[in-house]
Every structure is written in C-alpha cells, then in structure tokens.
Amino acid sequence: MNRAKICGITDSKDAQDAAKLGAWAVGFIFYKKSKRFVGAYKAKKIISELPPFVTPVGVFVDQKEGAVKEIANFCGLRALQFHGDETPAFCKRFENFKVIKAFRVREDFNMEMVRPYKSVVSAFLFDAYDENEKGGIGQLFNWKLIKDVKDFNVPVILSGGLNAQNVRSALEEFNPYAVDVSSGVEDAPGKKSKRLMEDFLNQLIIPISV
C-alpha cells in the first residue's frame, strides 16, 4: 500500500478511523489561524490512543523553537512539519525528530529554494500556494513544476487538493514517497468522513502500472 498522511485531525474517532483504514501518519495542526487547529492537551490525548505504527505529525507555521519543542515533547510527536518560512538553520535544531519542510507551489516556483534544506530534513512536502492561507486550501497545483526535486534524493510528500478521484493520477504521474490529504476527506473543516477516508485509502492499495 502506498503511504498516506491524513492531516488536520481534531478528534480521537477520526484518528482511530484513519489508523484502522491504513493511514501511515496523522497530522495535528498547531497553527491557531487554521480552521483545523487543535490544542496541545487535546492532541496529546488523541496521540496517546494511537497504535504504535501510526506516526503523529505536528504541523507548525513560523512558531518559536521553544514552543515547538515544548508542544512536541508534551504531545509525543514523532515528526514535525514546518509550513511557514522556517530556514534550514531553524529546521536543523530539531535533530530528535523527523522534520518535514513544506513548500507552497505557484507557477513561478523556483526549485533552487529547496536545495539548502536537503541535508537537514527528512522529507519535503509540496502544497498549493495561496496568498491568504498557509495551507489546507484544497487546490491542486501543477506537479510538473516540482519534477526536478527527485534529483535531490529526498522523500517527497505530495499534498494539495488530493481526493479519491485524483490521487491515482498523482501516484502514477509523480510517484511520491507519500500523499497528504485533509479537505479531500472531510465533511467539514477538521471533521473527517470515514467513508471518504476509506475511498481515498483504497485507491492506494491498487498496484500502480509501470
């Protein structure tokens, strides 16, 4: 099965459903301006109930190092996703965690901005760009704009507007290390649909033609 991260988890039932359906990771957004924001105490409880094979990922946007580490250690996060303007030097300060650096892609996206991060992070995540939002906008972007990222030999997580209807195309055309979905499996922001999650994850089971 191809890997999938279900992001924007806000309650235990959705996390448990994601795990039972085969999610590789679940994401918790600690950015207060997000519609999917979850507090540290609630996230800690949800994470404590997860099976050990599911990776809890904390999503942060331009937060201070101390605050990130405090939340990460308190909640039991195993990976950190930085979705703002965090520098390579900032990302390097979290050596006890797997670090995912997110980039928002628009038509003039310059792949060279990614290069300085390749030796300090565990994976790249690419999402659609919106000038008013930091992520979770549910829009696709042109995957061809990041085709050269494979030259960096860093695992790539593909995000942005994915759902059960288009994730097969993403797997076949780009073949990422993992895919990330949030709004594409929701009934409302922060409220996942078990049916939509199942439909999405079932698409990852089918072998990809080569």
N, C-alpha and C. Protein backbone atom coordinates (compact mmCIF):
# COMPACT_ATOMS: atom_id res chain seq x y z
N MET A 1 0.85 -1.20 0.00
CA MET A 1 0.00 0.00 0.00
C MET A 1 0.88 1.25 0.00
N ASN A 2 0.54 2.22 -0.81
CA ASN A 2 1.25 3.49 -0.80
C ASN A 2 0.94 4.24 0.49
N ARG A 3 1.86 5.09 0.91
CA ARG A 3 1.72 5.79 2.19
C ARG A 3 0.79 7.00 2.08
N ALA A 4 0.01 7.22 3.15
CA ALA A 4 -0.86 8.40 3.19
C ALA A 4 -0.84 9.01 4.57
N LYS A 5 -0.79 10.33 4.59
CA LYS A 5 -0.92 11.08 5.84
C LYS A 5 -2.28 11.77 5.81
N ILE A 6 -3.08 11.53 6.84
CA ILE A 6 -4.36 12.21 6.99
C ILE A 6 -4.11 13.40 7.91
N CYS A 7 -4.24 14.60 7.39
CA CYS A 7 -3.87 15.79 8.15
C CYS A 7 -5.10 16.55 8.64
N GLY A 8 -4.89 17.38 9.66
CA GLY A 8 -5.97 18.18 10.21
C GLY A 8 -6.88 17.40 11.12
N ILE A 9 -6.30 16.42 11.85
CA ILE A 9 -7.08 15.62 12.81
C ILE A 9 -7.42 16.47 14.03
N THR A 10 -8.68 16.41 14.45
CA THR A 10 -9.10 17.19 15.63
C THR A 10 -9.85 16.35 16.67
N ASP A 11 -10.13 15.08 16.36
CA ASP A 11 -10.78 14.27 17.39
C ASP A 11 -10.31 12.82 17.30
N SER A 12 -10.50 12.10 18.38
CA SER A 12 -9.98 10.75 18.51
C SER A 12 -10.62 9.76 17.54
N LYS A 13 -11.91 9.89 17.32
CA LYS A 13 -12.58 8.95 16.42
C LYS A 13 -11.99 9.02 15.02
N ASP A 14 -11.77 10.23 14.52
CA ASP A 14 -11.20 10.36 13.18
C ASP A 14 -9.79 9.76 13.13
N ALA A 15 -9.02 9.97 14.19
CA ALA A 15 -7.67 9.42 14.24
C ALA A 15 -7.71 7.89 14.25
N GLN A 16 -8.62 7.33 15.04
CA GLN A 16 -8.74 5.87 15.11
C GLN A 16 -9.22 5.30 13.78
N ASP A 17 -10.17 5.98 13.15
CA ASP A 17 -10.65 5.52 11.85
C ASP A 17 -9.52 5.54 10.82
N ALA A 18 -8.74 6.62 10.82
CA ALA A 18 -7.63 6.74 9.88
C ALA A 18 -6.63 5.61 10.08
N ALA A 19 -6.33 5.31 11.34
CA ALA A 19 -5.38 4.25 11.66
C ALA A 19 -5.90 2.89 11.20
N LYS A 20 -7.15 2.60 11.50
CA LYS A 20 -7.74 1.30 11.14
C LYS A 20 -7.83 1.12 9.63
N LEU A 21 -8.00 2.23 8.92
CA LEU A 21 -8.11 2.16 7.46
C LEU A 21 -6.75 2.08 6.76
N GLY A 22 -5.68 2.28 7.53
CA GLY A 22 -4.35 2.08 6.96
C GLY A 22 -3.50 3.33 6.76
N ALA A 23 -3.85 4.44 7.42
CA ALA A 23 -3.03 5.65 7.28
C ALA A 23 -1.64 5.42 7.85
N TRP A 24 -0.63 5.93 7.17
CA TRP A 24 0.76 5.85 7.62
C TRP A 24 1.03 6.88 8.71
N ALA A 25 0.40 8.04 8.62
CA ALA A 25 0.60 9.13 9.57
C ALA A 25 -0.67 9.95 9.70
N VAL A 26 -0.78 10.65 10.82
CA VAL A 26 -1.88 11.59 11.02
C VAL A 26 -1.28 12.92 11.47
N GLY A 27 -1.86 14.01 10.98
CA GLY A 27 -1.30 15.33 11.24
C GLY A 27 -2.16 16.16 12.17
N PHE A 28 -1.50 16.90 13.07
CA PHE A 28 -2.17 17.78 14.04
C PHE A 28 -1.66 19.20 13.81
N ILE A 29 -2.56 20.12 13.57
CA ILE A 29 -2.18 21.48 13.20
C ILE A 29 -2.19 22.38 14.45
N PHE A 30 -1.01 22.91 14.77
CA PHE A 30 -0.86 23.77 15.94
C PHE A 30 -0.74 25.24 15.55
N TYR A 31 -1.30 25.57 14.41
CA TYR A 31 -1.31 26.94 13.89
C TYR A 31 -2.69 27.52 14.20
N LYS A 32 -2.75 28.51 15.07
CA LYS A 32 -4.03 28.96 15.61
C LYS A 32 -4.97 29.58 14.56
N LYS A 33 -4.43 30.05 13.45
CA LYS A 33 -5.27 30.64 12.42
C LYS A 33 -5.92 29.60 11.51
N SER A 34 -5.53 28.36 11.67
CA SER A 34 -6.09 27.29 10.84
C SER A 34 -7.48 26.89 11.32
N LYS A 35 -8.34 26.53 10.37
CA LYS A 35 -9.67 26.02 10.70
C LYS A 35 -9.57 24.64 11.36
N ARG A 36 -8.40 24.04 11.27
CA ARG A 36 -8.20 22.69 11.80
C ARG A 36 -7.26 22.71 13.01
N PHE A 37 -7.14 23.85 13.63
CA PHE A 37 -6.28 23.97 14.81
C PHE A 37 -6.74 23.04 15.93
N VAL A 38 -5.77 22.43 16.60
CA VAL A 38 -6.07 21.60 17.75
C VAL A 38 -5.10 21.99 18.87
N GLY A 39 -5.61 22.06 20.09
CA GLY A 39 -4.77 22.41 21.22
C GLY A 39 -3.89 21.26 21.66
N ALA A 40 -2.83 21.57 22.38
CA ALA A 40 -1.85 20.56 22.77
C ALA A 40 -2.45 19.48 23.68
N TYR A 41 -3.30 19.86 24.63
CA TYR A 41 -3.88 18.88 25.55
C TYR A 41 -4.77 17.88 24.81
N LYS A 42 -5.54 18.39 23.88
CA LYS A 42 -6.42 17.50 23.11
C LYS A 42 -5.60 16.61 22.19
N ALA A 43 -4.58 17.19 21.54
CA ALA A 43 -3.73 16.40 20.66
C ALA A 43 -3.02 15.29 21.43
N LYS A 44 -2.54 15.61 22.63
CA LYS A 44 -1.84 14.62 23.45
C LYS A 44 -2.74 13.42 23.74
N LYS A 45 -3.99 13.68 24.08
CA LYS A 45 -4.93 12.58 24.37
C LYS A 45 -5.16 11.72 23.13
N ILE A 46 -5.37 12.37 21.99
CA ILE A 46 -5.61 11.62 20.76
C ILE A 46 -4.39 10.76 20.41
N ILE A 47 -3.20 11.35 20.53
CA ILE A 47 -1.97 10.64 20.19
C ILE A 47 -1.72 9.47 21.12
N SER A 48 -2.06 9.63 22.40
CA SER A 48 -1.84 8.55 23.38
C SER A 48 -2.66 7.31 23.04
N GLU A 49 -3.72 7.48 22.27
CA GLU A 49 -4.60 6.36 21.92
C GLU A 49 -4.29 5.76 20.56
N LEU A 50 -3.31 6.33 19.85
CA LEU A 50 -2.96 5.82 18.53
C LEU A 50 -2.16 4.52 18.63
N PRO A 51 -2.32 3.62 17.67
CA PRO A 51 -1.45 2.44 17.64
C PRO A 51 -0.02 2.86 17.30
N PRO A 52 0.97 2.07 17.69
CA PRO A 52 2.38 2.48 17.54
C PRO A 52 2.86 2.59 16.10
N PHE A 53 2.15 1.99 15.16
CA PHE A 53 2.62 2.02 13.78
C PHE A 53 2.15 3.26 13.01
N VAL A 54 1.37 4.12 13.65
CA VAL A 54 0.91 5.34 13.00
C VAL A 54 1.73 6.52 13.54
N THR A 55 2.32 7.30 12.64
CA THR A 55 3.19 8.41 13.04
C THR A 55 2.39 9.68 13.28
N PRO A 56 2.46 10.25 14.50
CA PRO A 56 1.81 11.54 14.75
C PRO A 56 2.73 12.68 14.32
N VAL A 57 2.23 13.55 13.46
CA VAL A 57 3.00 14.66 12.90
C VAL A 57 2.41 15.97 13.38
N GLY A 58 3.23 16.85 13.90
CA GLY A 58 2.79 18.18 14.30
C GLY A 58 3.08 19.18 13.21
N VAL A 59 2.08 19.98 12.84
CA VAL A 59 2.24 21.00 11.80
C VAL A 59 2.35 22.37 12.45
N PHE A 60 3.43 23.07 12.13
CA PHE A 60 3.71 24.37 12.73
C PHE A 60 3.98 25.40 11.64
N VAL A 61 3.63 26.65 11.93
CA VAL A 61 3.84 27.75 10.98
C VAL A 61 4.56 28.89 11.69
N ASP A 62 5.85 29.02 11.42
CA ASP A 62 6.65 30.15 11.93
C ASP A 62 6.53 30.32 13.45
N GLN A 63 6.52 29.21 14.16
CA GLN A 63 6.48 29.28 15.62
C GLN A 63 7.89 29.23 16.20
N LYS A 64 8.05 29.72 17.41
CA LYS A 64 9.36 29.77 18.04
C LYS A 64 9.86 28.38 18.39
N GLU A 65 11.17 28.23 18.34
CA GLU A 65 11.79 26.92 18.60
C GLU A 65 11.33 26.33 19.92
N GLY A 66 11.37 27.13 20.97
CA GLY A 66 11.00 26.63 22.29
C GLY A 66 9.56 26.14 22.35
N ALA A 67 8.66 26.88 21.73
CA ALA A 67 7.25 26.50 21.72
C ALA A 67 7.04 25.20 20.97
N VAL A 68 7.72 25.05 19.84
CA VAL A 68 7.60 23.83 19.04
C VAL A 68 8.08 22.63 19.85
N LYS A 69 9.24 22.74 20.47
CA LYS A 69 9.80 21.63 21.24
C LYS A 69 8.93 21.28 22.44
N GLU A 70 8.38 22.29 23.09
CA GLU A 70 7.52 22.05 24.24
C GLU A 70 6.28 21.27 23.84
N ILE A 71 5.64 21.70 22.75
CA ILE A 71 4.44 21.01 22.27
C ILE A 71 4.79 19.60 21.80
N ALA A 72 5.88 19.47 21.05
CA ALA A 72 6.28 18.18 20.50
C ALA A 72 6.54 17.16 21.60
N ASN A 73 7.27 17.56 22.62
CA ASN A 73 7.59 16.64 23.71
C ASN A 73 6.37 16.34 24.57
N PHE A 74 5.55 17.35 24.81
CA PHE A 74 4.35 17.16 25.62
C PHE A 74 3.37 16.20 24.94
N CYS A 75 3.19 16.36 23.64
CA CYS A 75 2.19 15.57 22.91
C CYS A 75 2.69 14.20 22.48
N GLY A 76 4.01 14.02 22.43
CA GLY A 76 4.54 12.76 21.94
C GLY A 76 4.61 12.70 20.42
N LEU A 77 4.88 13.84 19.80
CA LEU A 77 5.01 13.86 18.34
C LEU A 77 6.28 13.13 17.92
N ARG A 78 6.23 12.48 16.74
CA ARG A 78 7.42 11.82 16.22
C ARG A 78 7.97 12.50 14.98
N ALA A 79 7.20 13.41 14.41
CA ALA A 79 7.66 14.16 13.24
C ALA A 79 7.09 15.57 13.30
N LEU A 80 7.84 16.51 12.75
CA LEU A 80 7.43 17.92 12.74
C LEU A 80 7.37 18.40 11.30
N GLN A 81 6.28 19.05 10.95
CA GLN A 81 6.11 19.62 9.61
C GLN A 81 6.10 21.13 9.73
N PHE A 82 7.07 21.77 9.08
CA PHE A 82 7.17 23.23 9.13
C PHE A 82 6.60 23.79 7.84
N HIS A 83 5.53 24.57 7.98
CA HIS A 83 4.74 25.00 6.83
C HIS A 83 4.83 26.51 6.60
N GLY A 84 5.82 27.16 7.23
CA GLY A 84 5.96 28.60 7.06
C GLY A 84 7.25 28.96 6.34
N ASP A 85 7.93 29.98 6.85
CA ASP A 85 9.17 30.46 6.24
C ASP A 85 10.39 30.03 7.04
N GLU A 86 10.31 28.88 7.68
CA GLU A 86 11.41 28.40 8.50
C GLU A 86 12.66 28.17 7.65
N THR A 87 13.80 28.58 8.16
CA THR A 87 15.07 28.46 7.45
C THR A 87 15.68 27.08 7.64
N PRO A 88 16.66 26.72 6.81
CA PRO A 88 17.37 25.45 7.04
C PRO A 88 18.00 25.40 8.43
N ALA A 89 18.56 26.52 8.89
CA ALA A 89 19.17 26.55 10.22
C ALA A 89 18.15 26.25 11.31
N PHE A 90 16.94 26.78 11.15
CA PHE A 90 15.87 26.52 12.12
C PHE A 90 15.51 25.03 12.10
N CYS A 91 15.33 24.47 10.92
CA CYS A 91 14.95 23.05 10.80
C CYS A 91 16.00 22.14 11.42
N LYS A 92 17.24 22.54 11.37
CA LYS A 92 18.34 21.71 11.87
C LYS A 92 18.34 21.61 13.39
N ARG A 93 17.61 22.47 14.05
CA ARG A 93 17.61 22.48 15.52
C ARG A 93 16.75 21.37 16.14
N PHE A 94 16.11 20.57 15.29
CA PHE A 94 15.17 19.56 15.80
C PHE A 94 15.67 18.16 15.45
N GLU A 95 16.91 17.88 15.88
CA GLU A 95 17.57 16.64 15.50
C GLU A 95 16.93 15.40 16.13
N ASN A 96 16.13 15.56 17.16
CA ASN A 96 15.48 14.42 17.80
C ASN A 96 14.17 14.03 17.12
N PHE A 97 13.82 14.74 16.06
CA PHE A 97 12.57 14.47 15.36
C PHE A 97 12.82 14.33 13.85
N LYS A 98 11.92 13.63 13.19
CA LYS A 98 11.88 13.66 11.74
C LYS A 98 11.28 15.02 11.35
N VAL A 99 11.92 15.71 10.44
CA VAL A 99 11.46 17.04 10.04
C VAL A 99 11.01 17.03 8.57
N ILE A 100 9.81 17.53 8.35
CA ILE A 100 9.25 17.69 7.01
C ILE A 100 9.16 19.18 6.72
N LYS A 101 9.78 19.62 5.65
CA LYS A 101 9.67 21.04 5.27
C LYS A 101 8.68 21.16 4.14
N ALA A 102 7.67 21.98 4.35
CA ALA A 102 6.63 22.19 3.34
C ALA A 102 6.94 23.42 2.50
N PHE A 103 6.62 23.32 1.21
CA PHE A 103 6.76 24.42 0.27
C PHE A 103 5.44 24.59 -0.47
N ARG A 104 5.02 25.84 -0.62
CA ARG A 104 3.78 26.13 -1.35
C ARG A 104 4.15 26.53 -2.78
N VAL A 105 3.54 25.86 -3.73
CA VAL A 105 3.97 25.95 -5.13
C VAL A 105 3.02 26.80 -5.96
N ARG A 106 3.59 27.80 -6.64
CA ARG A 106 2.84 28.57 -7.64
C ARG A 106 3.61 28.51 -8.95
N GLU A 107 3.08 29.14 -9.99
CA GLU A 107 3.64 28.99 -11.34
C GLU A 107 5.09 29.44 -11.46
N ASP A 108 5.51 30.41 -10.63
CA ASP A 108 6.89 30.89 -10.71
C ASP A 108 7.79 30.22 -9.65
N PHE A 109 7.38 29.05 -9.16
CA PHE A 109 8.13 28.36 -8.12
C PHE A 109 9.55 28.04 -8.59
N ASN A 110 10.52 28.38 -7.76
CA ASN A 110 11.94 28.15 -8.07
C ASN A 110 12.45 26.98 -7.22
N MET A 111 12.77 25.89 -7.87
CA MET A 111 13.21 24.70 -7.16
C MET A 111 14.50 24.92 -6.38
N GLU A 112 15.28 25.91 -6.76
CA GLU A 112 16.54 26.16 -6.07
C GLU A 112 16.33 26.57 -4.61
N MET A 113 15.16 27.08 -4.28
CA MET A 113 14.90 27.44 -2.89
C MET A 113 14.83 26.21 -1.99
N VAL A 114 14.61 25.05 -2.59
CA VAL A 114 14.51 23.80 -1.85
C VAL A 114 15.89 23.24 -1.50
N ARG A 115 16.86 23.47 -2.36
CA ARG A 115 18.17 22.83 -2.25
C ARG A 115 18.82 22.97 -0.87
N PRO A 116 18.81 24.16 -0.23
CA PRO A 116 19.50 24.31 1.06
C PRO A 116 18.94 23.42 2.18
N TYR A 117 17.74 22.89 1.98
CA TYR A 117 17.11 22.08 3.02
C TYR A 117 17.43 20.59 2.91
N LYS A 118 17.99 20.18 1.80
CA LYS A 118 18.05 18.73 1.52
C LYS A 118 18.89 17.95 2.50
N SER A 119 19.86 18.59 3.13
CA SER A 119 20.73 17.87 4.06
C SER A 119 20.26 17.97 5.51
N VAL A 120 19.18 18.72 5.75
CA VAL A 120 18.75 18.95 7.14
C VAL A 120 17.34 18.46 7.45
N VAL A 121 16.61 17.98 6.44
CA VAL A 121 15.24 17.49 6.69
C VAL A 121 15.10 16.05 6.23
N SER A 122 14.05 15.40 6.70
CA SER A 122 13.78 14.01 6.35
C SER A 122 12.91 13.87 5.12
N ALA A 123 12.14 14.92 4.81
CA ALA A 123 11.24 14.86 3.65
C ALA A 123 10.82 16.27 3.27
N PHE A 124 10.43 16.42 2.01
CA PHE A 124 9.81 17.64 1.52
C PHE A 124 8.33 17.38 1.35
N LEU A 125 7.51 18.40 1.59
CA LEU A 125 6.09 18.34 1.27
C LEU A 125 5.76 19.53 0.37
N PHE A 126 5.01 19.26 -0.69
CA PHE A 126 4.64 20.32 -1.62
C PHE A 126 3.12 20.46 -1.63
N ASP A 127 2.69 21.72 -1.49
CA ASP A 127 1.27 22.05 -1.39
C ASP A 127 0.98 23.20 -2.36
N ALA A 128 -0.27 23.46 -2.61
CA ALA A 128 -0.66 24.57 -3.49
C ALA A 128 -0.47 25.90 -2.77
N TYR A 129 -0.15 26.93 -3.53
CA TYR A 129 0.07 28.27 -2.97
C TYR A 129 -1.22 29.08 -2.97
N ASP A 130 -1.41 29.81 -1.88
CA ASP A 130 -2.49 30.79 -1.79
C ASP A 130 -1.95 31.96 -0.97
N GLU A 131 -2.11 33.17 -1.45
CA GLU A 131 -1.53 34.31 -0.77
C GLU A 131 -2.16 34.61 0.58
N ASN A 132 -3.36 34.08 0.81
CA ASN A 132 -4.06 34.37 2.06
C ASN A 132 -4.05 33.23 3.07
N GLU A 133 -3.62 32.05 2.64
CA GLU A 133 -3.64 30.89 3.51
C GLU A 133 -2.28 30.20 3.50
N LYS A 134 -1.95 29.53 4.61
CA LYS A 134 -0.68 28.82 4.72
C LYS A 134 -0.79 27.35 4.32
N GLY A 135 -1.97 26.93 3.94
CA GLY A 135 -2.17 25.54 3.56
C GLY A 135 -3.61 25.14 3.77
N GLY A 136 -3.95 23.90 3.38
CA GLY A 136 -5.29 23.39 3.59
C GLY A 136 -6.36 24.04 2.73
N ILE A 137 -5.96 24.50 1.53
CA ILE A 137 -6.92 25.20 0.68
C ILE A 137 -7.64 24.26 -0.28
N GLY A 138 -7.19 23.01 -0.36
CA GLY A 138 -7.88 22.02 -1.17
C GLY A 138 -7.77 22.25 -2.67
N GLN A 139 -6.63 22.77 -3.11
CA GLN A 139 -6.44 23.02 -4.54
C GLN A 139 -5.23 22.26 -5.06
N LEU A 140 -5.37 21.76 -6.27
CA LEU A 140 -4.25 21.10 -6.94
C LEU A 140 -3.26 22.14 -7.44
N PHE A 141 -2.03 21.72 -7.69
CA PHE A 141 -1.07 22.57 -8.37
C PHE A 141 -0.42 21.75 -9.48
N ASN A 142 0.32 22.40 -10.33
CA ASN A 142 0.97 21.74 -11.47
C ASN A 142 2.17 20.92 -10.98
N TRP A 143 2.03 19.60 -10.96
CA TRP A 143 3.09 18.73 -10.44
C TRP A 143 4.37 18.81 -11.27
N LYS A 144 4.26 19.22 -12.51
CA LYS A 144 5.45 19.31 -13.35
C LYS A 144 6.43 20.37 -12.84
N LEU A 145 5.93 21.33 -12.06
CA LEU A 145 6.78 22.39 -11.53
C LEU A 145 7.80 21.87 -10.52
N ILE A 146 7.56 20.67 -9.99
CA ILE A 146 8.49 20.14 -8.98
C ILE A 146 9.14 18.83 -9.44
N LYS A 147 9.08 18.54 -10.72
CA LYS A 147 9.63 17.26 -11.22
C LYS A 147 11.12 17.12 -10.93
N ASP A 148 11.86 18.22 -10.89
CA ASP A 148 13.31 18.15 -10.67
C ASP A 148 13.68 17.86 -9.21
N VAL A 149 12.71 17.85 -8.31
CA VAL A 149 13.01 17.61 -6.91
C VAL A 149 13.58 16.20 -6.70
N LYS A 150 13.27 15.29 -7.58
CA LYS A 150 13.76 13.92 -7.43
C LYS A 150 15.28 13.85 -7.52
N ASP A 151 15.89 14.85 -8.13
CA ASP A 151 17.35 14.89 -8.21
C ASP A 151 17.99 15.09 -6.85
N PHE A 152 17.22 15.55 -5.87
CA PHE A 152 17.77 15.82 -4.54
C PHE A 152 17.82 14.57 -3.66
N ASN A 153 17.17 13.49 -4.10
CA ASN A 153 17.15 12.23 -3.35
C ASN A 153 16.62 12.39 -1.93
N VAL A 154 15.57 13.19 -1.79
CA VAL A 154 14.88 13.38 -0.52
C VAL A 154 13.43 12.92 -0.72
N PRO A 155 12.86 12.13 0.20
CA PRO A 155 11.48 11.69 0.05
C PRO A 155 10.53 12.88 -0.12
N VAL A 156 9.56 12.72 -1.02
CA VAL A 156 8.60 13.78 -1.33
C VAL A 156 7.19 13.36 -0.93
N ILE A 157 6.53 14.24 -0.19
CA ILE A 157 5.13 14.05 0.16
C ILE A 157 4.32 15.03 -0.67
N LEU A 158 3.36 14.52 -1.41
CA LEU A 158 2.56 15.37 -2.30
C LEU A 158 1.24 15.71 -1.64
N SER A 159 0.92 17.00 -1.61
CA SER A 159 -0.30 17.48 -0.98
C SER A 159 -0.99 18.46 -1.93
N GLY A 160 -2.13 18.98 -1.50
CA GLY A 160 -2.82 19.99 -2.29
C GLY A 160 -3.94 19.47 -3.15
N GLY A 161 -5.16 19.51 -2.64
CA GLY A 161 -6.34 19.18 -3.44
C GLY A 161 -6.52 17.72 -3.79
N LEU A 162 -5.84 16.82 -3.10
CA LEU A 162 -5.98 15.40 -3.42
C LEU A 162 -7.27 14.84 -2.84
N ASN A 163 -7.85 13.90 -3.57
CA ASN A 163 -9.04 13.19 -3.12
C ASN A 163 -9.07 11.83 -3.80
N ALA A 164 -10.13 11.07 -3.55
CA ALA A 164 -10.21 9.71 -4.10
C ALA A 164 -10.28 9.70 -5.62
N GLN A 165 -10.72 10.80 -6.21
CA GLN A 165 -10.86 10.85 -7.67
C GLN A 165 -9.55 11.17 -8.40
N ASN A 166 -8.61 11.82 -7.71
CA ASN A 166 -7.39 12.21 -8.44
C ASN A 166 -6.10 11.65 -7.86
N VAL A 167 -6.15 10.97 -6.73
CA VAL A 167 -4.90 10.52 -6.12
C VAL A 167 -4.20 9.46 -6.97
N ARG A 168 -4.97 8.68 -7.73
CA ARG A 168 -4.33 7.69 -8.62
C ARG A 168 -3.45 8.39 -9.64
N SER A 169 -3.94 9.50 -10.17
CA SER A 169 -3.14 10.26 -11.15
C SER A 169 -1.85 10.77 -10.50
N ALA A 170 -1.96 11.20 -9.25
CA ALA A 170 -0.78 11.69 -8.54
C ALA A 170 0.25 10.58 -8.37
N LEU A 171 -0.21 9.40 -8.03
CA LEU A 171 0.69 8.28 -7.84
C LEU A 171 1.34 7.84 -9.15
N GLU A 172 0.56 7.81 -10.20
CA GLU A 172 1.07 7.33 -11.48
C GLU A 172 1.95 8.35 -12.18
N GLU A 173 1.59 9.64 -12.06
CA GLU A 173 2.35 10.67 -12.76
C GLU A 173 3.59 11.13 -11.99
N PHE A 174 3.48 11.16 -10.65
CA PHE A 174 4.60 11.70 -9.88
C PHE A 174 5.29 10.66 -9.01
N ASN A 175 4.56 9.64 -8.59
CA ASN A 175 5.10 8.57 -7.76
C ASN A 175 5.81 9.11 -6.50
N PRO A 176 5.11 9.85 -5.65
CA PRO A 176 5.72 10.41 -4.45
C PRO A 176 5.98 9.33 -3.39
N TYR A 177 6.79 9.68 -2.41
CA TYR A 177 7.03 8.80 -1.27
C TYR A 177 5.73 8.58 -0.51
N ALA A 178 4.93 9.65 -0.38
CA ALA A 178 3.65 9.59 0.32
C ALA A 178 2.74 10.70 -0.20
N VAL A 179 1.46 10.57 0.09
CA VAL A 179 0.49 11.62 -0.24
C VAL A 179 -0.13 12.12 1.06
N ASP A 180 -0.57 13.37 1.01
CA ASP A 180 -1.12 14.03 2.19
C ASP A 180 -2.51 14.56 1.82
N VAL A 181 -3.49 14.28 2.66
CA VAL A 181 -4.85 14.72 2.37
C VAL A 181 -5.49 15.29 3.62
N SER A 182 -6.31 16.32 3.42
CA SER A 182 -7.06 16.91 4.53
C SER A 182 -8.49 17.20 4.09
N SER A 183 -8.68 18.30 3.35
CA SER A 183 -10.04 18.68 2.95
C SER A 183 -10.69 17.64 2.04
N GLY A 184 -9.88 16.87 1.31
CA GLY A 184 -10.42 15.88 0.39
C GLY A 184 -11.10 14.70 1.06
N VAL A 185 -10.97 14.59 2.39
CA VAL A 185 -11.64 13.50 3.11
C VAL A 185 -12.49 14.05 4.27
N GLU A 186 -13.00 15.26 4.08
CA GLU A 186 -13.75 15.92 5.16
C GLU A 186 -15.22 16.16 4.82
N ASP A 187 -16.05 16.13 5.86
CA ASP A 187 -17.42 16.62 5.77
C ASP A 187 -17.46 18.12 6.04
N ALA A 188 -16.51 18.58 6.87
CA ALA A 188 -16.36 20.00 7.23
C ALA A 188 -14.94 20.16 7.73
N PRO A 189 -14.40 21.39 7.74
CA PRO A 189 -13.02 21.59 8.19
C PRO A 189 -12.76 20.97 9.57
N GLY A 190 -11.81 20.04 9.62
CA GLY A 190 -11.47 19.39 10.87
C GLY A 190 -12.31 18.18 11.21
N LYS A 191 -13.35 17.90 10.43
CA LYS A 191 -14.21 16.74 10.67
C LYS A 191 -14.09 15.78 9.50
N LYS A 192 -13.41 14.68 9.73
CA LYS A 192 -13.18 13.71 8.66
C LYS A 192 -14.40 12.83 8.43
N SER A 193 -14.49 12.36 7.20
CA SER A 193 -15.53 11.40 6.83
C SER A 193 -14.88 10.03 6.71
N LYS A 194 -15.36 9.06 7.47
CA LYS A 194 -14.80 7.72 7.40
C LYS A 194 -14.94 7.15 5.99
N ARG A 195 -16.08 7.41 5.36
CA ARG A 195 -16.30 6.91 4.00
C ARG A 195 -15.31 7.51 3.01
N LEU A 196 -15.09 8.83 3.12
CA LEU A 196 -14.15 9.48 2.20
C LEU A 196 -12.72 9.03 2.46
N MET A 197 -12.37 8.84 3.73
CA MET A 197 -11.03 8.33 4.04
C MET A 197 -10.86 6.93 3.47
N GLU A 198 -11.87 6.11 3.61
CA GLU A 198 -11.78 4.74 3.09
C GLU A 198 -11.67 4.75 1.57
N ASP A 199 -12.47 5.57 0.91
CA ASP A 199 -12.39 5.68 -0.55
C ASP A 199 -11.00 6.12 -0.99
N PHE A 200 -10.44 7.09 -0.28
CA PHE A 200 -9.12 7.61 -0.62
C PHE A 200 -8.05 6.55 -0.42
N LEU A 201 -8.04 5.92 0.75
CA LEU A 201 -7.00 4.95 1.06
C LEU A 201 -7.12 3.70 0.20
N ASN A 202 -8.32 3.35 -0.22
CA ASN A 202 -8.48 2.20 -1.11
C ASN A 202 -7.78 2.42 -2.45
N GLN A 203 -7.70 3.67 -2.87
CA GLN A 203 -7.02 3.98 -4.13
C GLN A 203 -5.52 3.74 -4.03
N LEU A 204 -5.01 3.70 -2.82
CA LEU A 204 -3.57 3.50 -2.62
C LEU A 204 -3.18 2.03 -2.59
N ILE A 205 -4.17 1.16 -2.54
CA ILE A 205 -3.90 -0.27 -2.48
C ILE A 205 -3.67 -0.84 -3.87
N ILE A 206 -4.35 -0.28 -4.87
CA ILE A 206 -4.28 -0.81 -6.23
C ILE A 206 -2.86 -0.64 -6.75
N PRO A 207 -2.25 -1.70 -7.29
CA PRO A 207 -0.88 -1.58 -7.84
C PRO A 207 -0.81 -0.53 -8.93
N ILE A 208 0.28 0.22 -8.96
CA ILE A 208 0.49 1.23 -9.99
C ILE A 208 1.12 0.60 -11.21
N SER A 209 0.57 0.88 -12.37
CA SER A 209 1.15 0.33 -13.61
C SER A 209 2.44 1.06 -13.92
N VAL A 210 3.42 0.31 -14.42
CA VAL A 210 4.72 0.92 -14.77
C VAL A 210 5.08 0.60 -16.23
